[in-house]
């Protein structure tokens, strides 16, 4: 695959977890996940904050870093930080700050590629305040680690659900470590075609995730989002076109595979990793490389 590096992101390879509704930590041992990632060809993996907390009940950050290094995994995604834009006296912000501390410490110790942030709960916030708080978040981050702060915009985000709004917040923050995260699933569900991404400057596009699915929405978008995505190449999205546009913009980083699928989660671990890697790698071998 030449210079193409793929990451098996957390919800893709976590196995049978309860996404946003119960036990979010993986039953698959961290070392076993890293070994499986290396075996199929992934250059890195992702960790959700609840899973990170669980892994740290048995291992230290130093031990986790050693495991990543032992398996040649150069890239790591950490997620997810929510409610960081609320006022400091809000209980949701206090919980967010605790997660921020956890993720920032992990980013420094594990040399993470980025920390993904956003607004999954869909909490309203004026864009000027959001921009100011994102700038503050990035300023705090740069003092503690080298990971990018990647804002992922999505249909559930009532404030940032267009390319223009993402540019206003992330571009307006004007932070060297603040970038936009593009997920092909969210783009399709927002009606954002590949060419619609071209206004994003190369310096602001800092992370890209690939996921496939049906263009026609199911009745329950939340259920569809967490249970019915498809592996790249197994749905109706034009994944190669998204890849081509991102490359035209100037994106040269690794690519994430984020497929939240109940069917995939219930496969044996080795099959999950193998299918996730092979289907995604095929998108690049098909002529987009």
Protein backbone atom coordinates (compact mmCIF):
# COMPACT_ATOMS: atom_id res chain seq x y z
CA UNK A 1 0.00 0.00 0.00
CA UNK A 2 3.03 2.25 -0.26
CA UNK A 3 2.81 5.22 2.07
CA UNK A 4 -0.81 4.61 3.16
CA UNK A 5 -1.11 4.10 6.91
CA UNK A 6 -4.39 2.87 8.42
CA UNK A 7 -5.61 2.97 12.00
CA UNK A 8 -8.12 0.50 13.42
CA UNK A 9 -10.19 2.91 15.49
CA UNK A 10 -11.76 1.98 18.79
CA UNK A 11 -15.40 1.43 17.88
CA UNK A 12 -14.33 -0.63 14.85
CA UNK A 13 -12.23 -3.15 16.76
CA UNK A 14 -13.63 -2.96 20.30
CA UNK A 15 -15.78 -6.06 20.01
CA UNK A 16 -19.15 -6.40 21.79
CA UNK A 17 -19.46 -3.11 23.69
CA UNK A 18 -22.55 -1.01 24.48
CA UNK A 19 -21.98 2.21 22.54
CA UNK A 20 -22.98 5.25 24.64
CA UNK A 21 -25.47 3.13 26.58
CA UNK A 22 -23.56 0.89 29.01
CA UNK A 23 -20.19 -0.86 29.17
CA UNK A 24 -18.01 1.00 26.70
CA UNK A 25 -14.72 -0.69 27.55
CA UNK A 26 -13.54 -3.60 25.44
CA UNK A 27 -13.42 -7.22 26.56
CA UNK A 28 -10.44 -7.64 24.21
CA UNK A 29 -7.15 -7.28 26.08
CA UNK A 30 -5.12 -4.23 25.07
CA UNK A 31 -2.04 -6.29 24.20
CA UNK A 32 -4.14 -8.68 22.12
CA UNK A 33 -5.65 -5.75 20.21
CA UNK A 34 -2.21 -4.37 19.47
CA UNK A 35 -0.97 -7.77 18.32
CA UNK A 36 -3.98 -8.20 16.03
CA UNK A 37 -3.47 -4.71 14.60
CA UNK A 38 0.16 -5.45 13.83
CA UNK A 39 -0.65 -8.83 12.33
CA UNK A 40 -3.09 -7.49 9.73
CA UNK A 41 -1.09 -4.37 8.87
CA UNK A 42 -2.58 -1.47 10.84
CA UNK A 43 -0.15 1.33 11.73
CA UNK A 44 -2.08 2.27 14.84
CA UNK A 45 -5.27 1.98 16.85
CA UNK A 46 -7.75 4.14 18.73
CA UNK A 47 -8.82 4.26 22.37
CA UNK A 48 -12.08 5.61 23.82
CA UNK A 49 -11.76 7.35 27.19
CA UNK A 50 -13.82 4.74 29.09
CA UNK A 51 -11.64 1.97 27.66
CA UNK A 52 -8.52 3.90 28.60
CA UNK A 53 -9.73 4.11 32.20
CA UNK A 54 -10.35 0.35 32.19
CA UNK A 55 -6.93 -0.51 30.72
CA UNK A 56 -5.26 1.70 33.34
CA UNK A 57 -6.81 -0.40 36.11
CA UNK A 58 -4.27 -3.09 35.16
CA UNK A 59 -1.51 -1.30 33.29
CA UNK A 60 0.36 1.98 33.53
CA UNK A 61 0.67 4.47 30.69
CA UNK A 62 4.33 3.51 30.43
CA UNK A 63 3.37 -0.14 30.00
CA UNK A 64 0.78 0.80 27.37
CA UNK A 65 3.42 2.75 25.46
CA UNK A 66 5.77 -0.21 25.56
CA UNK A 67 3.07 -2.48 24.18
CA UNK A 68 2.35 -0.05 21.34
CA UNK A 69 6.07 0.16 20.55
CA UNK A 70 6.54 -3.62 20.79
CA UNK A 71 3.95 -4.04 18.07
CA UNK A 72 5.21 -1.26 15.82
CA UNK A 73 2.10 0.89 16.19
CA UNK A 74 3.25 4.42 15.42
CA UNK A 75 -0.11 6.20 15.58
CA UNK A 76 -2.75 6.51 18.27
CA UNK A 77 -6.13 8.22 18.40
CA UNK A 78 -7.56 9.23 21.78
CA UNK A 79 -11.24 10.11 22.13
CA UNK A 80 -13.63 11.65 23.07
CA UNK A 81 -13.83 15.04 24.79
CA UNK A 82 -17.29 16.60 25.10
CA UNK A 83 -18.69 19.60 27.01
CA UNK A 84 -15.32 21.40 27.02
CA UNK A 85 -17.04 24.60 25.79
CA UNK A 86 -19.42 24.90 28.75
CA UNK A 87 -18.87 27.25 31.69
CA UNK A 88 -16.52 25.96 34.38
CA UNK A 89 -19.20 25.85 37.09
CA UNK A 90 -21.38 23.50 35.01
CA UNK A 91 -21.30 19.91 36.31
CA UNK A 92 -20.95 18.64 32.75
CA UNK A 93 -17.85 20.81 32.31
CA UNK A 94 -16.41 19.48 35.56
CA UNK A 95 -16.80 15.93 34.30
CA UNK A 96 -15.32 17.01 30.97
CA UNK A 97 -12.31 18.51 32.71
CA UNK A 98 -11.64 15.17 34.43
CA UNK A 99 -11.73 13.44 31.04
CA UNK A 100 -9.50 16.17 29.61
CA UNK A 101 -6.91 15.50 32.31
CA UNK A 102 -6.99 11.77 31.56
CA UNK A 103 -6.69 12.24 27.80
CA UNK A 104 -3.99 14.91 28.03
CA UNK A 105 -1.85 12.77 30.32
CA UNK A 106 -2.30 9.80 28.00
CA UNK A 107 -1.51 11.89 24.92
CA UNK A 108 1.79 12.95 26.44
CA UNK A 109 2.77 9.47 27.63
CA UNK A 110 1.60 7.58 24.54
CA UNK A 111 2.68 10.14 21.94
CA UNK A 112 -0.84 10.32 20.47
CA UNK A 113 -1.46 11.57 16.95
CA UNK A 114 -4.57 13.48 18.03
CA UNK A 115 -7.37 13.82 20.55
CA UNK A 116 -10.84 13.91 19.03
CA UNK A 117 -13.29 16.45 20.43
CA UNK A 118 -16.77 17.61 19.52
CA UNK A 119 -20.38 17.78 20.61
CA UNK A 120 -22.03 14.35 20.52
CA UNK A 121 -24.77 15.39 23.01
CA UNK A 122 -25.78 18.29 20.74
CA UNK A 123 -25.52 21.01 23.38
CA UNK A 124 -26.29 24.49 21.95
CA UNK A 125 -23.51 27.08 22.10
CA UNK A 126 -22.97 30.35 20.19
CA UNK A 127 -20.20 30.00 17.61
CA UNK A 128 -18.14 32.91 19.02
CA UNK A 129 -18.06 31.23 22.44
CA UNK A 130 -17.32 27.86 20.85
CA UNK A 131 -14.44 29.38 18.90
CA UNK A 132 -13.01 31.04 22.00
CA UNK A 133 -13.27 27.86 24.06
CA UNK A 134 -11.70 25.78 21.28
CA UNK A 135 -8.78 28.20 21.20
CA UNK A 136 -8.44 27.88 24.98
CA UNK A 137 -8.57 24.08 24.74
CA UNK A 138 -5.82 24.08 22.11
CA UNK A 139 -3.70 26.48 24.17
CA UNK A 140 -4.05 24.21 27.20
CA UNK A 141 -3.18 21.16 25.11
CA UNK A 142 -0.02 22.57 23.55
CA UNK A 143 1.44 23.13 27.00
CA UNK A 144 1.10 19.44 27.85
CA UNK A 145 1.53 17.28 24.74
CA UNK A 146 2.13 17.28 20.98
CA UNK A 147 -1.17 15.71 19.91
CA UNK A 148 -3.49 17.59 17.59
CA UNK A 149 -6.92 18.64 18.83
CA UNK A 150 -9.27 17.42 16.12
CA UNK A 151 -12.81 18.84 16.02
CA UNK A 152 -15.17 16.25 14.54
CA UNK A 153 -18.37 17.80 13.21
CA UNK A 154 -21.47 15.64 12.77
CA UNK A 155 -25.25 15.68 12.40
CA UNK A 156 -25.79 15.60 16.17
CA UNK A 157 -23.77 18.80 16.65
CA UNK A 158 -26.35 21.57 16.57
CA UNK A 159 -23.63 24.24 16.35
CA UNK A 160 -21.12 22.87 13.85
CA UNK A 161 -22.73 20.74 11.16
CA UNK A 162 -21.46 22.44 7.99
CA UNK A 163 -18.05 22.99 6.45
CA UNK A 164 -18.47 26.74 6.89
CA UNK A 165 -19.20 26.42 10.62
CA UNK A 166 -16.22 24.09 11.10
CA UNK A 167 -14.01 26.62 9.33
CA UNK A 168 -15.39 29.42 11.48
CA UNK A 169 -14.66 27.62 14.75
CA UNK A 170 -11.38 25.84 13.99
CA UNK A 171 -10.05 28.47 11.62
CA UNK A 172 -11.19 31.26 13.91
CA UNK A 173 -9.37 29.72 16.85
CA UNK A 174 -6.15 30.05 14.81
CA UNK A 175 -4.31 27.40 16.81
CA UNK A 176 -1.47 25.47 15.18
CA UNK A 177 -2.60 22.28 16.93
CA UNK A 178 -6.32 22.77 16.21
CA UNK A 179 -7.63 20.90 13.17
CA UNK A 180 -10.82 19.65 11.54
CA UNK A 181 -11.64 15.93 11.58
CA UNK A 182 -13.61 14.62 8.60
CA UNK A 183 -15.56 11.36 8.92
CA UNK A 184 -17.11 10.10 5.68
CA UNK A 185 -20.12 8.73 7.57
CA UNK A 186 -20.98 12.12 9.05
CA UNK A 187 -20.29 13.86 5.76
CA UNK A 188 -22.75 11.66 3.89
CA UNK A 189 -25.41 12.02 6.56
CA UNK A 190 -24.96 15.81 6.46
CA UNK A 191 -25.24 15.83 2.67
CA UNK A 192 -21.65 17.01 2.28
CA UNK A 193 -20.29 15.58 -0.97
CA UNK A 194 -16.55 15.03 -1.49
CA UNK A 195 -16.11 18.24 -3.52
CA UNK A 196 -17.85 20.23 -0.78
CA UNK A 197 -14.74 19.68 1.36
CA UNK A 198 -12.45 21.61 -1.02
CA UNK A 199 -12.78 24.95 0.84
CA UNK A 200 -10.92 23.41 3.81
CA UNK A 201 -7.29 24.62 3.76
CA UNK A 202 -4.65 21.90 3.92
CA UNK A 203 -3.42 23.14 7.26
CA UNK A 204 -6.85 22.73 8.86
CA UNK A 205 -7.62 19.21 7.62
CA UNK A 206 -5.82 17.20 10.28
CA UNK A 207 -7.64 13.87 10.47
CA UNK A 208 -9.79 11.71 8.17
CA UNK A 209 -11.95 8.69 9.03
CA UNK A 210 -13.45 6.26 6.52
CA UNK A 211 -16.81 4.58 6.98
CA UNK A 212 -19.46 3.36 4.56
CA UNK A 213 -23.21 2.88 4.61
CA UNK A 214 -26.53 3.50 2.90
CA UNK A 215 -27.30 6.94 1.51
CA UNK A 216 -30.96 6.69 2.53
CA UNK A 217 -31.38 7.32 6.25
CA UNK A 218 -32.92 4.72 8.51
CA UNK A 219 -35.82 5.91 10.73
CA UNK A 220 -33.54 6.22 13.78
CA UNK A 221 -30.31 8.05 12.90
CA UNK A 222 -28.74 7.34 16.29
CA UNK A 223 -29.34 3.60 15.94
CA UNK A 224 -28.07 3.72 12.37
CA UNK A 225 -24.94 5.62 13.41
CA UNK A 226 -23.93 3.30 16.25
CA UNK A 227 -25.09 -0.05 14.86
CA UNK A 228 -25.42 -0.06 11.08
CA UNK A 229 -22.37 1.46 9.45
CA UNK A 230 -20.58 -0.57 6.81
CA UNK A 231 -16.93 -1.24 6.18
CA UNK A 232 -15.36 0.91 3.43
CA UNK A 233 -16.35 -0.48 0.05
CA UNK A 234 -19.33 -2.42 1.41
CA UNK A 235 -21.86 0.42 1.22
CA UNK A 236 -23.04 3.13 -1.15
CA UNK A 237 -20.66 5.98 -0.28
CA UNK A 238 -17.97 7.05 -2.75
CA UNK A 239 -15.04 6.44 -0.43
CA UNK A 240 -12.36 6.79 -3.17
CA UNK A 241 -13.76 10.24 -4.06
CA UNK A 242 -13.49 11.43 -0.46
CA UNK A 243 -9.92 10.13 -0.32
CA UNK A 244 -9.05 11.85 -3.59
CA UNK A 245 -10.43 15.22 -2.46
CA UNK A 246 -8.70 15.03 0.92
CA UNK A 247 -5.43 14.32 -0.85
CA UNK A 248 -6.04 17.17 -3.28
CA UNK A 249 -6.49 19.48 -0.30
CA UNK A 250 -3.12 18.32 0.94
CA UNK A 251 -3.94 15.72 3.56
CA UNK A 252 -0.97 13.39 3.93
CA UNK A 253 -1.58 11.83 7.33
CA UNK A 254 -2.79 8.39 8.38
CA UNK A 255 -6.38 7.29 7.75
CA UNK A 256 -8.77 6.00 10.39
CA UNK A 257 -11.28 3.19 9.93
CA UNK A 258 -14.33 3.97 12.09
CA UNK A 259 -17.19 1.54 11.55
CA UNK A 260 -19.76 1.27 14.32
CA UNK A 261 -21.55 -1.96 13.41
CA UNK A 262 -23.38 -4.39 15.64
CA UNK A 263 -22.69 -7.14 13.14
CA UNK A 264 -18.96 -6.39 13.08
CA UNK A 265 -18.70 -6.10 16.88
CA UNK A 266 -20.02 -9.64 17.31
CA UNK A 267 -17.42 -11.30 15.11
CA UNK A 268 -14.31 -12.98 16.61
CA UNK A 269 -11.54 -10.46 17.24
CA UNK A 270 -9.21 -11.70 14.49
CA UNK A 271 -12.00 -11.49 11.90
CA UNK A 272 -12.85 -7.94 12.97
CA UNK A 273 -9.29 -6.75 12.47
CA UNK A 274 -8.81 -8.67 9.21
CA UNK A 275 -12.04 -7.43 7.60
CA UNK A 276 -11.54 -3.84 8.75
CA UNK A 277 -8.05 -3.69 7.30
CA UNK A 278 -8.64 -5.57 4.06
CA UNK A 279 -11.81 -3.75 3.02
CA UNK A 280 -10.24 -0.35 3.68
CA UNK A 281 -6.91 -1.20 2.07
CA UNK A 282 -8.82 -2.29 -1.03
CA UNK A 283 -10.13 1.26 -1.45
CA UNK A 284 -6.55 2.44 -1.92
CA UNK A 285 -5.47 -0.48 -4.08
CA UNK A 286 -8.45 0.23 -6.35
CA UNK A 287 -6.69 3.22 -7.83
CA UNK A 288 -6.90 6.06 -5.33
CA UNK A 289 -3.36 5.60 -4.07
